[in-house]
Amino acid sequence: MKKRNHYSAEFKSKVVLEVLQEASTVNEIAAKYDINPVMINRWKSEFLERAAEIF
């Protein structure tokens, strides 16, 4: 059984900001960091939903 990875908020933010810059596709970024693209899209959705809380 594979152990779950736990990613820091800083790492998630870094990945999401890279996706939002649109310099690379989600699949390319997922391959770069060895993360499932679905996970990145989930982080992106959560990031965008909660962005208003910052302001």
C-alpha atoms as a PDB file:
ATOM      1  CA  MET A   1       0.000   0.000   0.000  1.00  0.00           C
ATOM      2  CA  LYS A   2       1.336   3.401  -0.986  1.00  0.00           C
ATOM      3  CA  LYS A   3       1.784   6.016   1.721  1.00  0.00           C
ATOM      4  CA  ARG A   4       0.000   9.334   1.201  1.00  0.00           C
ATOM      5  CA  ASN A   5       2.066  12.409   0.551  1.00  0.00           C
ATOM      6  CA  HIS A   6       1.407  15.527   2.573  1.00  0.00           C
ATOM      7  CA  TYR A   7       2.222  18.783   0.832  1.00  0.00           C
ATOM      8  CA  SER A   8       2.806  22.098   2.571  1.00  0.00           C
ATOM      9  CA  ALA A   9       0.642  25.120   1.858  1.00  0.00           C
ATOM     10  CA  GLU A  10       3.688  26.858   0.409  1.00  0.00           C
ATOM     11  CA  PHE A  11       4.284  24.034  -2.067  1.00  0.00           C
ATOM     12  CA  LYS A  12       0.622  23.950  -3.104  1.00  0.00           C
ATOM     13  CA  SER A  13       0.638  27.723  -3.624  1.00  0.00           C
ATOM     14  CA  LYS A  14       3.789  27.505  -5.709  1.00  0.00           C
ATOM     15  CA  VAL A  15       2.274  24.842  -7.969  1.00  0.00           C
ATOM     16  CA  VAL A  16      -1.066  26.653  -8.335  1.00  0.00           C
ATOM     17  CA  LEU A  17       0.605  29.955  -9.174  1.00  0.00           C
ATOM     18  CA  GLU A  18       2.666  28.179 -11.811  1.00  0.00           C
ATOM     19  CA  VAL A  19      -0.554  26.774 -13.305  1.00  0.00           C
ATOM     20  CA  LEU A  20      -2.204  30.206 -13.277  1.00  0.00           C
ATOM     21  CA  GLN A  21       0.721  31.725 -15.177  1.00  0.00           C
ATOM     22  CA  GLU A  22      -0.200  29.386 -18.052  1.00  0.00           C
ATOM     23  CA  ALA A  23       3.411  29.036 -19.181  1.00  0.00           C
ATOM     24  CA  SER A  24       2.983  25.248 -19.078  1.00  0.00           C
ATOM     25  CA  THR A  25       0.027  22.885 -19.146  1.00  0.00           C
ATOM     26  CA  VAL A  26      -1.304  21.227 -16.011  1.00  0.00           C
ATOM     27  CA  ASN A  27      -0.023  17.892 -17.298  1.00  0.00           C
ATOM     28  CA  GLU A  28       3.481  19.270 -17.804  1.00  0.00           C
ATOM     29  CA  ILE A  29       3.530  20.764 -14.317  1.00  0.00           C
ATOM     30  CA  ALA A  30       2.163  17.530 -12.851  1.00  0.00           C
ATOM     31  CA  ALA A  31       4.952  15.563 -14.516  1.00  0.00           C
ATOM     32  CA  LYS A  32       7.536  18.084 -13.308  1.00  0.00           C
ATOM     33  CA  TYR A  33       6.503  17.661  -9.663  1.00  0.00           C
ATOM     34  CA  ASP A  34       5.350  14.017  -9.950  1.00  0.00           C
ATOM     35  CA  ILE A  35       1.792  14.862  -8.879  1.00  0.00           C
ATOM     36  CA  ASN A  36      -1.517  13.709 -10.321  1.00  0.00           C
ATOM     37  CA  PRO A  37      -3.075  16.440 -12.533  1.00  0.00           C
ATOM     38  CA  VAL A  38      -6.435  15.920 -10.787  1.00  0.00           C
ATOM     39  CA  MET A  39      -4.797  16.903  -7.497  1.00  0.00           C
ATOM     40  CA  ILE A  40      -3.439  20.096  -9.049  1.00  0.00           C
ATOM     41  CA  ASN A  41      -6.867  21.003 -10.432  1.00  0.00           C
ATOM     42  CA  ARG A  42      -8.392  20.412  -6.984  1.00  0.00           C
ATOM     43  CA  TRP A  43      -5.784  22.720  -5.405  1.00  0.00           C
ATOM     44  CA  LYS A  44      -6.447  25.328  -8.097  1.00  0.00           C
ATOM     45  CA  SER A  45     -10.210  25.232  -7.481  1.00  0.00           C
ATOM     46  CA  GLU A  46      -9.741  25.575  -3.733  1.00  0.00           C
ATOM     47  CA  PHE A  47      -7.272  28.419  -4.255  1.00  0.00           C
ATOM     48  CA  LEU A  48      -9.670  30.344  -6.491  1.00  0.00           C
ATOM     49  CA  GLU A  49     -12.645  29.771  -4.156  1.00  0.00           C
ATOM     50  CA  ARG A  50     -10.753  31.090  -1.162  1.00  0.00           C
ATOM     51  CA  ALA A  51      -8.932  33.961  -2.890  1.00  0.00           C
ATOM     52  CA  ALA A  52     -11.592  36.454  -1.769  1.00  0.00           C
ATOM     53  CA  GLU A  53     -10.768  35.687   1.885  1.00  0.00           C
ATOM     54  CA  ILE A  54      -7.373  37.306   1.409  1.00  0.00           C
ATOM     55  CA  PHE A  55      -8.899  40.676   0.596  1.00  0.00           C
END
